[in-house]
Each structure stands twice: as C-alpha cells, then as structure tokens.
Amino acid sequence: MILKKTEHLPAEDRGTRVALIYAVTAEALDAFYEHGQWLTVAQAASLCADWLARSRRSLPQEERKRLAGHGCALAQEVAAALSREAGLFMAHELMASLDRNYISDAGTSIMDECTRREALP
C-alpha cells in the first residue's frame, strides 16, 4: 500500500490526501471491472477511514467524502476514456501499484492527476 506507517497523527500532509485519492481511484476501477458497479462516495469514504486507521491517522468525515468523491470521479473518467481491455489493464496497474515496490508509468500519470485534484474543493 502507498500509505506509510506512522505514529498517532492526523492525516494533515498533502501526500496522504493524494494517496487516498489514488487508492480510491484504483479500488473504484477494480470494483467496476470486477463487479460491474461503481463504488458510492460513502463506500469510498469508508475505505478511506479504513486505510487511515491502519496507519493510525484520521480525517473528518467531510474530508474523507471530498477525497473519495475525487477518486470516484477520476475512476469514472478513466473508464470512460478507455476501451474495456485498456481499462482492465489500468485497473490492474493501479491496484498493483498500491504496493510501494511496484513502479507503474500508468500509475505515475494517475498520481499526477490525483495531486492536481487534491487541491480542488
């Protein structure tokens, strides 16, 4: 997973927020191609809470929903722009790149977009 292990700290750093958007994007694409359904923002926000809890961090619910919304929207935009085969590949690449030891050019480009979106309201 791309979130680092930390002490009991709030998730105030921008990197954590970008990583959450990225992880939601990966999970949403994977769910869409695996089950044919999109995650709801509430489901994605719950995933954010789980990921944050594993690293002993927290964010207010509204912030988790904001980040989850960005991740869900990006996943839908990616799927709309790609063929089914390309979308399956992208979902696989993003899920694999949740492991910090896996380097992915596709993942890097999505991470750049997540960084841009993190600054949006």
PDB file of N, CA and C in Angstrom:
ATOM      1  N   MET A   1       0.847  -1.177   0.000  1.00  0.00           N
ATOM      2  CA  MET A   1       0.000   0.000   0.000  1.00  0.00           C
ATOM      3  C   MET A   1       0.889   1.236   0.000  1.00  0.00           C
ATOM      4  N   ILE A   2       0.436   2.329  -0.585  1.00  0.00           N
ATOM      5  CA  ILE A   2       1.274   3.507  -0.712  1.00  0.00           C
ATOM      6  C   ILE A   2       1.242   4.407   0.504  1.00  0.00           C
ATOM      7  N   LEU A   3       0.423   4.093   1.496  1.00  0.00           N
ATOM      8  CA  LEU A   3       0.395   4.900   2.712  1.00  0.00           C
ATOM      9  C   LEU A   3       1.456   4.382   3.664  1.00  0.00           C
ATOM     10  N   LYS A   4       2.267   5.274   4.201  1.00  0.00           N
ATOM     11  CA  LYS A   4       3.346   4.860   5.095  1.00  0.00           C
ATOM     12  C   LYS A   4       2.832   4.648   6.515  1.00  0.00           C
ATOM     13  N   LYS A   5       3.516   3.778   7.248  1.00  0.00           N
ATOM     14  CA  LYS A   5       3.196   3.548   8.655  1.00  0.00           C
ATOM     15  C   LYS A   5       3.663   4.748   9.463  1.00  0.00           C
ATOM     16  N   THR A   6       2.823   5.215  10.371  1.00  0.00           N
ATOM     17  CA  THR A   6       3.168   6.387  11.164  1.00  0.00           C
ATOM     18  C   THR A   6       2.696   6.219  12.594  1.00  0.00           C
ATOM     19  N   GLU A   7       3.015   7.162  13.415  1.00  0.00           N
ATOM     20  CA  GLU A   7       2.534   7.222  14.789  1.00  0.00           C
ATOM     21  C   GLU A   7       1.079   7.695  14.770  1.00  0.00           C
ATOM     22  N   HIS A   8       0.511   7.966  15.925  1.00  0.00           N
ATOM     23  CA  HIS A   8      -0.841   8.531  16.012  1.00  0.00           C
ATOM     24  C   HIS A   8      -0.791   9.981  15.544  1.00  0.00           C
ATOM     25  N   LEU A   9      -1.075  10.237  14.323  1.00  0.00           N
ATOM     26  CA  LEU A   9      -1.036  11.585  13.769  1.00  0.00           C
ATOM     27  C   LEU A   9      -2.262  11.806  12.906  1.00  0.00           C
ATOM     28  N   PRO A  10      -2.748  13.033  12.867  1.00  0.00           N
ATOM     29  CA  PRO A  10      -3.809  13.325  11.899  1.00  0.00           C
ATOM     30  C   PRO A  10      -3.216  13.290  10.488  1.00  0.00           C
ATOM     31  N   ALA A  11      -4.050  13.059   9.512  1.00  0.00           N
ATOM     32  CA  ALA A  11      -3.591  12.980   8.125  1.00  0.00           C
ATOM     33  C   ALA A  11      -3.557  14.375   7.526  1.00  0.00           C
ATOM     34  N   GLU A  12      -2.688  15.205   8.038  1.00  0.00           N
ATOM     35  CA  GLU A  12      -2.643  16.593   7.578  1.00  0.00           C
ATOM     36  C   GLU A  12      -1.767  16.797   6.360  1.00  0.00           C
ATOM     37  N   ASP A  13      -0.880  15.879   6.080  1.00  0.00           N
ATOM     38  CA  ASP A  13       0.022  16.123   4.969  1.00  0.00           C
ATOM     39  C   ASP A  13      -0.655  15.842   3.626  1.00  0.00           C
ATOM     40  N   ARG A  14      -0.247  16.607   2.657  1.00  0.00           N
ATOM     41  CA  ARG A  14      -0.855  16.527   1.331  1.00  0.00           C
ATOM     42  C   ARG A  14      -0.619  15.165   0.692  1.00  0.00           C
ATOM     43  N   GLY A  15       0.530  14.567   0.949  1.00  0.00           N
ATOM     44  CA  GLY A  15       0.838  13.266   0.369  1.00  0.00           C
ATOM     45  C   GLY A  15      -0.165  12.198   0.763  1.00  0.00           C
ATOM     46  N   THR A  16      -0.610  12.224   1.997  1.00  0.00           N
ATOM     47  CA  THR A  16      -1.607  11.259   2.449  1.00  0.00           C
ATOM     48  C   THR A  16      -2.921  11.471   1.721  1.00  0.00           C
ATOM     49  N   ARG A  17      -3.309  12.709   1.551  1.00  0.00           N
ATOM     50  CA  ARG A  17      -4.565  13.002   0.848  1.00  0.00           C
ATOM     51  C   ARG A  17      -4.487  12.566  -0.615  1.00  0.00           C
ATOM     52  N   VAL A  18      -3.369  12.831  -1.268  1.00  0.00           N
ATOM     53  CA  VAL A  18      -3.180  12.411  -2.663  1.00  0.00           C
ATOM     54  C   VAL A  18      -3.212  10.883  -2.740  1.00  0.00           C
ATOM     55  N   ALA A  19      -2.552  10.226  -1.796  1.00  0.00           N
ATOM     56  CA  ALA A  19      -2.531   8.760  -1.775  1.00  0.00           C
ATOM     57  C   ALA A  19      -3.934   8.187  -1.591  1.00  0.00           C
ATOM     58  N   LEU A  20      -4.759   8.840  -0.793  1.00  0.00           N
ATOM     59  CA  LEU A  20      -6.137   8.377  -0.615  1.00  0.00           C
ATOM     60  C   LEU A  20      -6.938   8.503  -1.902  1.00  0.00           C
ATOM     61  N   ILE A  21      -6.790   9.621  -2.605  1.00  0.00           N
ATOM     62  CA  ILE A  21      -7.486   9.776  -3.890  1.00  0.00           C
ATOM     63  C   ILE A  21      -7.045   8.680  -4.846  1.00  0.00           C
ATOM     64  N   TYR A  22      -5.746   8.429  -4.887  1.00  0.00           N
ATOM     65  CA  TYR A  22      -5.193   7.401  -5.769  1.00  0.00           C
ATOM     66  C   TYR A  22      -5.757   6.021  -5.410  1.00  0.00           C
ATOM     67  N   ALA A  23      -5.742   5.692  -4.117  1.00  0.00           N
ATOM     68  CA  ALA A  23      -6.229   4.387  -3.688  1.00  0.00           C
ATOM     69  C   ALA A  23      -7.716   4.218  -3.997  1.00  0.00           C
ATOM     70  N   VAL A  24      -8.503   5.269  -3.799  1.00  0.00           N
ATOM     71  CA  VAL A  24      -9.930   5.202  -4.129  1.00  0.00           C
ATOM     72  C   VAL A  24     -10.109   5.014  -5.638  1.00  0.00           C
ATOM     73  N   THR A  25      -9.322   5.706  -6.425  1.00  0.00           N
ATOM     74  CA  THR A  25      -9.392   5.553  -7.885  1.00  0.00           C
ATOM     75  C   THR A  25      -9.115   4.110  -8.268  1.00  0.00           C
ATOM     76  N   ALA A  26      -8.055   3.538  -7.709  1.00  0.00           N
ATOM     77  CA  ALA A  26      -7.702   2.148  -8.005  1.00  0.00           C
ATOM     78  C   ALA A  26      -8.814   1.194  -7.588  1.00  0.00           C
ATOM     79  N   GLU A  27      -9.309   1.353  -6.371  1.00  0.00           N
ATOM     80  CA  GLU A  27     -10.364   0.468  -5.859  1.00  0.00           C
ATOM     81  C   GLU A  27     -11.658   0.610  -6.650  1.00  0.00           C
ATOM     82  N   ALA A  28     -12.000   1.840  -7.032  1.00  0.00           N
ATOM     83  CA  ALA A  28     -13.236   2.066  -7.800  1.00  0.00           C
ATOM     84  C   ALA A  28     -13.145   1.435  -9.184  1.00  0.00           C
ATOM     85  N   LEU A  29     -11.993   1.600  -9.844  1.00  0.00           N
ATOM     86  CA  LEU A  29     -11.813   0.964 -11.157  1.00  0.00           C
ATOM     87  C   LEU A  29     -11.857  -0.555 -11.033  1.00  0.00           C
ATOM     88  N   ASP A  30     -11.190  -1.074 -10.024  1.00  0.00           N
ATOM     89  CA  ASP A  30     -11.179  -2.517  -9.811  1.00  0.00           C
ATOM     90  C   ASP A  30     -12.594  -3.041  -9.562  1.00  0.00           C
ATOM     91  N   ALA A  31     -13.355  -2.356  -8.722  1.00  0.00           N
ATOM     92  CA  ALA A  31     -14.732  -2.780  -8.442  1.00  0.00           C
ATOM     93  C   ALA A  31     -15.587  -2.727  -9.707  1.00  0.00           C
ATOM     94  N   PHE A  32     -15.384  -1.691 -10.515  1.00  0.00           N
ATOM     95  CA  PHE A  32     -16.175  -1.557 -11.745  1.00  0.00           C
ATOM     96  C   PHE A  32     -15.880  -2.709 -12.710  1.00  0.00           C
ATOM     97  N   TYR A  33     -14.610  -2.996 -12.934  1.00  0.00           N
ATOM     98  CA  TYR A  33     -14.272  -4.046 -13.894  1.00  0.00           C
ATOM     99  C   TYR A  33     -14.485  -5.447 -13.321  1.00  0.00           C
ATOM    100  N   GLU A  34     -14.416  -5.594 -12.014  1.00  0.00           N
ATOM    101  CA  GLU A  34     -14.619  -6.894 -11.377  1.00  0.00           C
ATOM    102  C   GLU A  34     -16.098  -7.214 -11.196  1.00  0.00           C
ATOM    103  N   HIS A  35     -16.907  -6.204 -10.805  1.00  0.00           N
ATOM    104  CA  HIS A  35     -18.304  -6.453 -10.447  1.00  0.00           C
ATOM    105  C   HIS A  35     -19.320  -5.668 -11.280  1.00  0.00           C
ATOM    106  N   GLY A  36     -18.839  -4.780 -12.137  1.00  0.00           N
ATOM    107  CA  GLY A  36     -19.754  -4.014 -12.977  1.00  0.00           C
ATOM    108  C   GLY A  36     -20.491  -2.913 -12.242  1.00  0.00           C
ATOM    109  N   GLN A  37     -20.011  -2.529 -11.067  1.00  0.00           N
ATOM    110  CA  GLN A  37     -20.659  -1.469 -10.289  1.00  0.00           C
ATOM    111  C   GLN A  37     -19.617  -0.491  -9.782  1.00  0.00           C
ATOM    112  N   TRP A  38     -20.033   0.764  -9.707  1.00  0.00           N
ATOM    113  CA  TRP A  38     -19.156   1.792  -9.139  1.00  0.00           C
ATOM    114  C   TRP A  38     -19.334   1.852  -7.642  1.00  0.00           C
ATOM    115  N   LEU A  39     -18.257   2.139  -6.946  1.00  0.00           N
ATOM    116  CA  LEU A  39     -18.357   2.423  -5.518  1.00  0.00           C
ATOM    117  C   LEU A  39     -19.145   3.708  -5.339  1.00  0.00           C
ATOM    118  N   THR A  40     -19.931   3.783  -4.302  1.00  0.00           N
ATOM    119  CA  THR A  40     -20.561   5.059  -3.951  1.00  0.00           C
ATOM    120  C   THR A  40     -19.518   5.894  -3.209  1.00  0.00           C
ATOM    121  N   VAL A  41     -19.760   7.181  -3.118  1.00  0.00           N
ATOM    122  CA  VAL A  41     -18.841   8.047  -2.373  1.00  0.00           C
ATOM    123  C   VAL A  41     -18.799   7.607  -0.906  1.00  0.00           C
ATOM    124  N   ALA A  42     -19.939   7.194  -0.364  1.00  0.00           N
ATOM    125  CA  ALA A  42     -19.967   6.734   1.027  1.00  0.00           C
ATOM    126  C   ALA A  42     -19.113   5.478   1.214  1.00  0.00           C
ATOM    127  N   GLN A  43     -19.196   4.539   0.274  1.00  0.00           N
ATOM    128  CA  GLN A  43     -18.361   3.341   0.352  1.00  0.00           C
ATOM    129  C   GLN A  43     -16.884   3.703   0.261  1.00  0.00           C
ATOM    130  N   ALA A  44     -16.562   4.602  -0.652  1.00  0.00           N
ATOM    131  CA  ALA A  44     -15.170   5.017  -0.826  1.00  0.00           C
ATOM    132  C   ALA A  44     -14.663   5.769   0.400  1.00  0.00           C
ATOM    133  N   ALA A  45     -15.507   6.595   0.999  1.00  0.00           N
ATOM    134  CA  ALA A  45     -15.114   7.310   2.225  1.00  0.00           C
ATOM    135  C   ALA A  45     -14.868   6.329   3.363  1.00  0.00           C
ATOM    136  N   SER A  46     -15.633   5.261   3.410  1.00  0.00           N
ATOM    137  CA  SER A  46     -15.427   4.221   4.413  1.00  0.00           C
ATOM    138  C   SER A  46     -14.089   3.520   4.194  1.00  0.00           C
ATOM    139  N   LEU A  47     -13.746   3.267   2.930  1.00  0.00           N
ATOM    140  CA  LEU A  47     -12.427   2.705   2.616  1.00  0.00           C
ATOM    141  C   LEU A  47     -11.324   3.647   3.078  1.00  0.00           C
ATOM    142  N   CYS A  48     -11.513   4.937   2.856  1.00  0.00           N
ATOM    143  CA  CYS A  48     -10.528   5.930   3.321  1.00  0.00           C
ATOM    144  C   CYS A  48     -10.341   5.822   4.829  1.00  0.00           C
ATOM    145  N   ALA A  49     -11.437   5.711   5.561  1.00  0.00           N
ATOM    146  CA  ALA A  49     -11.354   5.602   7.017  1.00  0.00           C
ATOM    147  C   ALA A  49     -10.579   4.344   7.413  1.00  0.00           C
ATOM    148  N   ASP A  50     -10.813   3.248   6.709  1.00  0.00           N
ATOM    149  CA  ASP A  50     -10.093   2.005   6.998  1.00  0.00           C
ATOM    150  C   ASP A  50      -8.597   2.167   6.752  1.00  0.00           C
ATOM    151  N   TRP A  51      -8.233   2.765   5.604  1.00  0.00           N
ATOM    152  CA  TRP A  51      -6.809   2.950   5.281  1.00  0.00           C
ATOM    153  C   TRP A  51      -6.145   3.876   6.290  1.00  0.00           C
ATOM    154  N   LEU A  52      -6.843   4.933   6.655  1.00  0.00           N
ATOM    155  CA  LEU A  52      -6.291   5.861   7.639  1.00  0.00           C
ATOM    156  C   LEU A  52      -6.111   5.175   8.991  1.00  0.00           C
ATOM    157  N   ALA A  53      -7.069   4.371   9.390  1.00  0.00           N
ATOM    158  CA  ALA A  53      -6.991   3.682  10.679  1.00  0.00           C
ATOM    159  C   ALA A  53      -5.785   2.736  10.725  1.00  0.00           C
ATOM    160  N   ARG A  54      -5.497   2.066   9.606  1.00  0.00           N
ATOM    161  CA  ARG A  54      -4.346   1.163   9.576  1.00  0.00           C
ATOM    162  C   ARG A  54      -3.035   1.895   9.789  1.00  0.00           C
ATOM    163  N   SER A  55      -2.983   3.167   9.393  1.00  0.00           N
ATOM    164  CA  SER A  55      -1.757   3.948   9.598  1.00  0.00           C
ATOM    165  C   SER A  55      -1.886   4.876  10.819  1.00  0.00           C
ATOM    166  N   ARG A  56      -2.906   4.609  11.626  1.00  0.00           N
ATOM    167  CA  ARG A  56      -3.157   5.373  12.861  1.00  0.00           C
ATOM    168  C   ARG A  56      -3.314   6.862  12.587  1.00  0.00           C
ATOM    169  N   ARG A  57      -4.039   7.166  11.557  1.00  0.00           N
ATOM    170  CA  ARG A  57      -4.333   8.556  11.209  1.00  0.00           C
ATOM    171  C   ARG A  57      -5.835   8.717  11.128  1.00  0.00           C
ATOM    172  N   SER A  58      -6.266   9.956  11.011  1.00  0.00           N
ATOM    173  CA  SER A  58      -7.701  10.208  10.884  1.00  0.00           C
ATOM    174  C   SER A  58      -7.927  11.494  10.118  1.00  0.00           C
ATOM    175  N   LEU A  59      -9.105  11.584   9.556  1.00  0.00           N
ATOM    176  CA  LEU A  59      -9.590  12.787   8.882  1.00  0.00           C
ATOM    177  C   LEU A  59     -11.067  12.915   9.191  1.00  0.00           C
ATOM    178  N   PRO A  60     -11.574  14.134   9.234  1.00  0.00           N
ATOM    179  CA  PRO A  60     -13.019  14.306   9.417  1.00  0.00           C
ATOM    180  C   PRO A  60     -13.797  13.654   8.266  1.00  0.00           C
ATOM    181  N   GLN A  61     -15.007  13.252   8.566  1.00  0.00           N
ATOM    182  CA  GLN A  61     -15.840  12.570   7.574  1.00  0.00           C
ATOM    183  C   GLN A  61     -16.013  13.402   6.303  1.00  0.00           C
ATOM    184  N   GLU A  62     -16.223  14.682   6.423  1.00  0.00           N
ATOM    185  CA  GLU A  62     -16.419  15.529   5.245  1.00  0.00           C
ATOM    186  C   GLU A  62     -15.176  15.533   4.346  1.00  0.00           C
ATOM    187  N   GLU A  63     -13.996  15.531   4.957  1.00  0.00           N
ATOM    188  CA  GLU A  63     -12.760  15.492   4.183  1.00  0.00           C
ATOM    189  C   GLU A  63     -12.593  14.138   3.504  1.00  0.00           C
ATOM    190  N   ARG A  64     -12.937  13.065   4.199  1.00  0.00           N
ATOM    191  CA  ARG A  64     -12.884  11.738   3.573  1.00  0.00           C
ATOM    192  C   ARG A  64     -13.843  11.671   2.397  1.00  0.00           C
ATOM    193  N   LYS A  65     -15.032  12.245   2.544  1.00  0.00           N
ATOM    194  CA  LYS A  65     -16.000  12.252   1.442  1.00  0.00           C
ATOM    195  C   LYS A  65     -15.492  13.076   0.262  1.00  0.00           C
ATOM    196  N   ARG A  66     -14.847  14.205   0.545  1.00  0.00           N
ATOM    197  CA  ARG A  66     -14.304  15.045  -0.528  1.00  0.00           C
ATOM    198  C   ARG A  66     -13.241  14.279  -1.318  1.00  0.00           C
ATOM    199  N   LEU A  67     -12.330  13.656  -0.610  1.00  0.00           N
ATOM    200  CA  LEU A  67     -11.267  12.899  -1.275  1.00  0.00           C
ATOM    201  C   LEU A  67     -11.836  11.695  -2.015  1.00  0.00           C
ATOM    202  N   ALA A  68     -12.790  11.005  -1.388  1.00  0.00           N
ATOM    203  CA  ALA A  68     -13.437   9.857  -2.025  1.00  0.00           C
ATOM    204  C   ALA A  68     -14.167  10.281  -3.295  1.00  0.00           C
ATOM    205  N   GLY A  69     -14.822  11.428  -3.254  1.00  0.00           N
ATOM    206  CA  GLY A  69     -15.515  11.938  -4.437  1.00  0.00           C
ATOM    207  C   GLY A  69     -14.559  12.197  -5.583  1.00  0.00           C
ATOM    208  N   HIS A  70     -13.403  12.766  -5.271  1.00  0.00           N
ATOM    209  CA  HIS A  70     -12.398  12.995  -6.321  1.00  0.00           C
ATOM    210  C   HIS A  70     -11.918  11.674  -6.912  1.00  0.00           C
ATOM    211  N   GLY A  71     -11.668  10.681  -6.057  1.00  0.00           N
ATOM    212  CA  GLY A  71     -11.202   9.383  -6.538  1.00  0.00           C
ATOM    213  C   GLY A  71     -12.243   8.670  -7.380  1.00  0.00           C
ATOM    214  N   CYS A  72     -13.498   8.702  -6.934  1.00  0.00           N
ATOM    215  CA  CYS A  72     -14.583   8.060  -7.693  1.00  0.00           C
ATOM    216  C   CYS A  72     -14.783   8.733  -9.045  1.00  0.00           C
ATOM    217  N   ALA A  73     -14.750  10.055  -9.048  1.00  0.00           N
ATOM    218  CA  ALA A  73     -14.934  10.793 -10.306  1.00  0.00           C
ATOM    219  C   ALA A  73     -13.790  10.497 -11.280  1.00  0.00           C
ATOM    220  N   LEU A  74     -12.562  10.462 -10.772  1.00  0.00           N
ATOM    221  CA  LEU A  74     -11.416  10.178 -11.637  1.00  0.00           C
ATOM    222  C   LEU A  74     -11.517   8.770 -12.213  1.00  0.00           C
ATOM    223  N   ALA A  75     -11.923   7.809 -11.403  1.00  0.00           N
ATOM    224  CA  ALA A  75     -12.074   6.432 -11.888  1.00  0.00           C
ATOM    225  C   ALA A  75     -13.095   6.362 -13.027  1.00  0.00           C
ATOM    226  N   GLN A  76     -14.208   7.056 -12.876  1.00  0.00           N
ATOM    227  CA  GLN A  76     -15.226   7.036 -13.926  1.00  0.00           C
ATOM    228  C   GLN A  76     -14.733   7.723 -15.197  1.00  0.00           C
ATOM    229  N   GLU A  77     -13.966   8.799 -15.044  1.00  0.00           N
ATOM    230  CA  GLU A  77     -13.400   9.482 -16.208  1.00  0.00           C
ATOM    231  C   GLU A  77     -12.403   8.592 -16.934  1.00  0.00           C
ATOM    232  N   VAL A  78     -11.581   7.887 -16.177  1.00  0.00           N
ATOM    233  CA  VAL A  78     -10.598   6.979 -16.783  1.00  0.00           C
ATOM    234  C   VAL A  78     -11.324   5.877 -17.550  1.00  0.00           C
ATOM    235  N   ALA A  79     -12.321   5.262 -16.936  1.00  0.00           N
ATOM    236  CA  ALA A  79     -13.061   4.181 -17.589  1.00  0.00           C
ATOM    237  C   ALA A  79     -13.764   4.664 -18.858  1.00  0.00           C
ATOM    238  N   ALA A  80     -14.291   5.875 -18.819  1.00  0.00           N
ATOM    239  CA  ALA A  80     -14.987   6.417 -19.995  1.00  0.00           C
ATOM    240  C   ALA A  80     -14.031   6.694 -21.149  1.00  0.00           C
ATOM    241  N   ALA A  81     -12.763   6.951 -20.828  1.00  0.00           N
ATOM    242  CA  ALA A  81     -11.788   7.305 -21.855  1.00  0.00           C
ATOM    243  C   ALA A  81     -11.081   6.091 -22.448  1.00  0.00           C
ATOM    244  N   LEU A  82     -11.273   4.914 -21.857  1.00  0.00           N
ATOM    245  CA  LEU A  82     -10.526   3.737 -22.290  1.00  0.00           C
ATOM    246  C   LEU A  82     -11.447   2.641 -22.800  1.00  0.00           C
ATOM    247  N   SER A  83     -10.902   1.800 -23.675  1.00  0.00           N
ATOM    248  CA  SER A  83     -11.621   0.593 -24.070  1.00  0.00           C
ATOM    249  C   SER A  83     -11.692  -0.340 -22.862  1.00  0.00           C
ATOM    250  N   ARG A  84     -12.510  -1.354 -22.945  1.00  0.00           N
ATOM    251  CA  ARG A  84     -12.621  -2.286 -21.824  1.00  0.00           C
ATOM    252  C   ARG A  84     -11.271  -2.934 -21.511  1.00  0.00           C
ATOM    253  N   GLU A  85     -10.552  -3.378 -22.535  1.00  0.00           N
ATOM    254  CA  GLU A  85      -9.252  -4.012 -22.299  1.00  0.00           C
ATOM    255  C   GLU A  85      -8.256  -3.051 -21.667  1.00  0.00           C
ATOM    256  N   ALA A  86      -8.213  -1.837 -22.170  1.00  0.00           N
ATOM    257  CA  ALA A  86      -7.299  -0.838 -21.607  1.00  0.00           C
ATOM    258  C   ALA A  86      -7.703  -0.495 -20.174  1.00  0.00           C
ATOM    259  N   GLY A  87      -9.008  -0.455 -19.905  1.00  0.00           N
ATOM    260  CA  GLY A  87      -9.489  -0.181 -18.562  1.00  0.00           C
ATOM    261  C   GLY A  87      -9.126  -1.294 -17.590  1.00  0.00           C
ATOM    262  N   LEU A  88      -9.249  -2.531 -18.038  1.00  0.00           N
ATOM    263  CA  LEU A  88      -8.840  -3.668 -17.207  1.00  0.00           C
ATOM    264  C   LEU A  88      -7.354  -3.589 -16.891  1.00  0.00           C
ATOM    265  N   PHE A  89      -6.542  -3.258 -17.891  1.00  0.00           N
ATOM    266  CA  PHE A  89      -5.109  -3.098 -17.679  1.00  0.00           C
ATOM    267  C   PHE A  89      -4.837  -1.980 -16.676  1.00  0.00           C
ATOM    268  N   MET A  90      -5.514  -0.857 -16.850  1.00  0.00           N
ATOM    269  CA  MET A  90      -5.306   0.280 -15.951  1.00  0.00           C
ATOM    270  C   MET A  90      -5.687  -0.088 -14.522  1.00  0.00           C
ATOM    271  N   ALA A  91      -6.826  -0.758 -14.351  1.00  0.00           N
ATOM    272  CA  ALA A  91      -7.246  -1.170 -13.009  1.00  0.00           C
ATOM    273  C   ALA A  91      -6.194  -2.086 -12.386  1.00  0.00           C
ATOM    274  N   HIS A  92      -5.691  -3.029 -13.167  1.00  0.00           N
ATOM    275  CA  HIS A  92      -4.648  -3.934 -12.669  1.00  0.00           C
ATOM    276  C   HIS A  92      -3.387  -3.163 -12.274  1.00  0.00           C
ATOM    277  N   GLU A  93      -2.953  -2.255 -13.114  1.00  0.00           N
ATOM    278  CA  GLU A  93      -1.748  -1.459 -12.837  1.00  0.00           C
ATOM    279  C   GLU A  93      -1.910  -0.630 -11.568  1.00  0.00           C
ATOM    280  N   LEU A  94      -3.054   0.010 -11.410  1.00  0.00           N
ATOM    281  CA  LEU A  94      -3.267   0.847 -10.239  1.00  0.00           C
ATOM    282  C   LEU A  94      -3.334   0.008  -8.961  1.00  0.00           C
ATOM    283  N   MET A  95      -4.020  -1.123  -9.023  1.00  0.00           N
ATOM    284  CA  MET A  95      -4.077  -1.986  -7.842  1.00  0.00           C
ATOM    285  C   MET A  95      -2.688  -2.520  -7.497  1.00  0.00           C
ATOM    286  N   ALA A  96      -1.927  -2.930  -8.498  1.00  0.00           N
ATOM    287  CA  ALA A  96      -0.574  -3.429  -8.251  1.00  0.00           C
ATOM    288  C   ALA A  96       0.318  -2.340  -7.674  1.00  0.00           C
ATOM    289  N   SER A  97       0.122  -1.111  -8.148  1.00  0.00           N
ATOM    290  CA  SER A  97       0.994  -0.023  -7.699  1.00  0.00           C
ATOM    291  C   SER A  97       0.616   0.517  -6.318  1.00  0.00           C
ATOM    292  N   LEU A  98      -0.433  -0.035  -5.696  1.00  0.00           N
ATOM    293  CA  LEU A  98      -0.695   0.291  -4.305  1.00  0.00           C
ATOM    294  C   LEU A  98       0.433  -0.247  -3.419  1.00  0.00           C
ATOM    295  N   ASP A  99       1.159  -1.219  -3.938  1.00  0.00           N
ATOM    296  CA  ASP A  99       2.375  -1.696  -3.280  1.00  0.00           C
ATOM    297  C   ASP A  99       3.497  -0.749  -3.670  1.00  0.00           C
ATOM    298  N   ARG A 100       4.109  -0.107  -2.696  1.00  0.00           N
ATOM    299  CA  ARG A 100       5.119   0.921  -2.992  1.00  0.00           C
ATOM    300  C   ARG A 100       6.318   0.373  -3.751  1.00  0.00           C
ATOM    301  N   ASN A 101       6.486  -0.934  -3.807  1.00  0.00           N
ATOM    302  CA  ASN A 101       7.604  -1.530  -4.538  1.00  0.00           C
ATOM    303  C   ASN A 101       7.310  -1.722  -6.022  1.00  0.00           C
ATOM    304  N   TYR A 102       6.074  -1.492  -6.433  1.00  0.00           N
ATOM    305  CA  TYR A 102       5.673  -1.664  -7.829  1.00  0.00           C
ATOM    306  C   TYR A 102       5.649  -0.303  -8.506  1.00  0.00           C
ATOM    307  N   ILE A 103       6.447  -0.156  -9.528  1.00  0.00           N
ATOM    308  CA  ILE A 103       6.532   1.104 -10.269  1.00  0.00           C
ATOM    309  C   ILE A 103       5.727   0.963 -11.559  1.00  0.00           C
ATOM    310  N   SER A 104       4.887   1.953 -11.827  1.00  0.00           N
ATOM    311  CA  SER A 104       4.000   1.907 -12.981  1.00  0.00           C
ATOM    312  C   SER A 104       3.934   3.273 -13.653  1.00  0.00           C
ATOM    313  N   ASP A 105       4.211   3.314 -14.950  1.00  0.00           N
ATOM    314  CA  ASP A 105       4.069   4.575 -15.680  1.00  0.00           C
ATOM    315  C   ASP A 105       2.614   5.038 -15.675  1.00  0.00           C
ATOM    316  N   ALA A 106       1.704   4.099 -15.847  1.00  0.00           N
ATOM    317  CA  ALA A 106       0.276   4.449 -15.811  1.00  0.00           C
ATOM    318  C   ALA A 106      -0.082   4.995 -14.437  1.00  0.00           C
ATOM    319  N   GLY A 107       0.425   4.348 -13.400  1.00  0.00           N
ATOM    320  CA  GLY A 107       0.166   4.804 -12.042  1.00  0.00           C
ATOM    321  C   GLY A 107       0.730   6.189 -11.776  1.00  0.00           C
ATOM    322  N   THR A 108       1.894   6.458 -12.334  1.00  0.00           N
ATOM    323  CA  THR A 108       2.515   7.775 -12.158  1.00  0.00           C
ATOM    324  C   THR A 108       1.657   8.866 -12.787  1.00  0.00           C
ATOM    325  N   SER A 109       1.111   8.611 -13.957  1.00  0.00           N
ATOM    326  CA  SER A 109       0.272   9.626 -14.604  1.00  0.00           C
ATOM    327  C   SER A 109      -1.021   9.851 -13.827  1.00  0.00           C
ATOM    328  N   ILE A 110      -1.594   8.789 -13.280  1.00  0.00           N
ATOM    329  CA  ILE A 110      -2.798   8.937 -12.460  1.00  0.00           C
ATOM    330  C   ILE A 110      -2.459   9.664 -11.164  1.00  0.00           C
ATOM    331  N   MET A 111      -1.296   9.380 -10.592  1.00  0.00           N
ATOM    332  CA  MET A 111      -0.873  10.063  -9.364  1.00  0.00           C
ATOM    333  C   MET A 111      -0.740  11.566  -9.615  1.00  0.00           C
ATOM    334  N   ASP A 112      -0.232  11.947 -10.778  1.00  0.00           N
ATOM    335  CA  ASP A 112      -0.132  13.369 -11.118  1.00  0.00           C
ATOM    336  C   ASP A 112      -1.510  14.023 -11.130  1.00  0.00           C
ATOM    337  N   GLU A 113      -2.488  13.317 -11.686  1.00  0.00           N
ATOM    338  CA  GLU A 113      -3.854  13.853 -11.716  1.00  0.00           C
ATOM    339  C   GLU A 113      -4.446  13.906 -10.308  1.00  0.00           C
ATOM    340  N   CYS A 114      -4.141  12.914  -9.487  1.00  0.00           N
ATOM    341  CA  CYS A 114      -4.610  12.935  -8.095  1.00  0.00           C
ATOM    342  C   CYS A 114      -4.042  14.119  -7.342  1.00  0.00           C
ATOM    343  N   THR A 115      -2.788  14.438  -7.608  1.00  0.00           N
ATOM    344  CA  THR A 115      -2.139  15.584  -6.975  1.00  0.00           C
ATOM    345  C   THR A 115      -2.855  16.878  -7.357  1.00  0.00           C
ATOM    346  N   ARG A 116      -3.213  16.989  -8.636  1.00  0.00           N
ATOM    347  CA  ARG A 116      -3.938  18.180  -9.098  1.00  0.00           C
ATOM    348  C   ARG A 116      -5.308  18.269  -8.436  1.00  0.00           C
ATOM    349  N   ARG A 117      -5.993  17.159  -8.333  1.00  0.00           N
ATOM    350  CA  ARG A 117      -7.346  17.158  -7.782  1.00  0.00           C
ATOM    351  C   ARG A 117      -7.380  17.378  -6.271  1.00  0.00           C
ATOM    352  N   GLU A 118      -6.320  17.016  -5.584  1.00  0.00           N
ATOM    353  CA  GLU A 118      -6.292  17.177  -4.126  1.00  0.00           C
ATOM    354  C   GLU A 118      -6.500  18.637  -3.742  1.00  0.00           C
ATOM    355  N   ALA A 119      -6.022  19.537  -4.580  1.00  0.00           N
ATOM    356  CA  ALA A 119      -6.135  20.973  -4.284  1.00  0.00           C
ATOM    357  C   ALA A 119      -7.527  21.522  -4.576  1.00  0.00           C
ATOM    358  N   LEU A 120      -8.362  20.757  -5.269  1.00  0.00           N
ATOM    359  CA  LEU A 120      -9.700  21.227  -5.606  1.00  0.00           C
ATOM    360  C   LEU A 120     -10.629  21.086  -4.403  1.00  0.00           C
ATOM    361  N   PRO A 121     -11.650  21.920  -4.343  1.00  0.00           N
ATOM    362  CA  PRO A 121     -12.619  21.808  -3.227  1.00  0.00           C
ATOM    363  C   PRO A 121     -13.459  20.551  -3.330  1.00  0.00           C
TER     364      PRO A 121
END
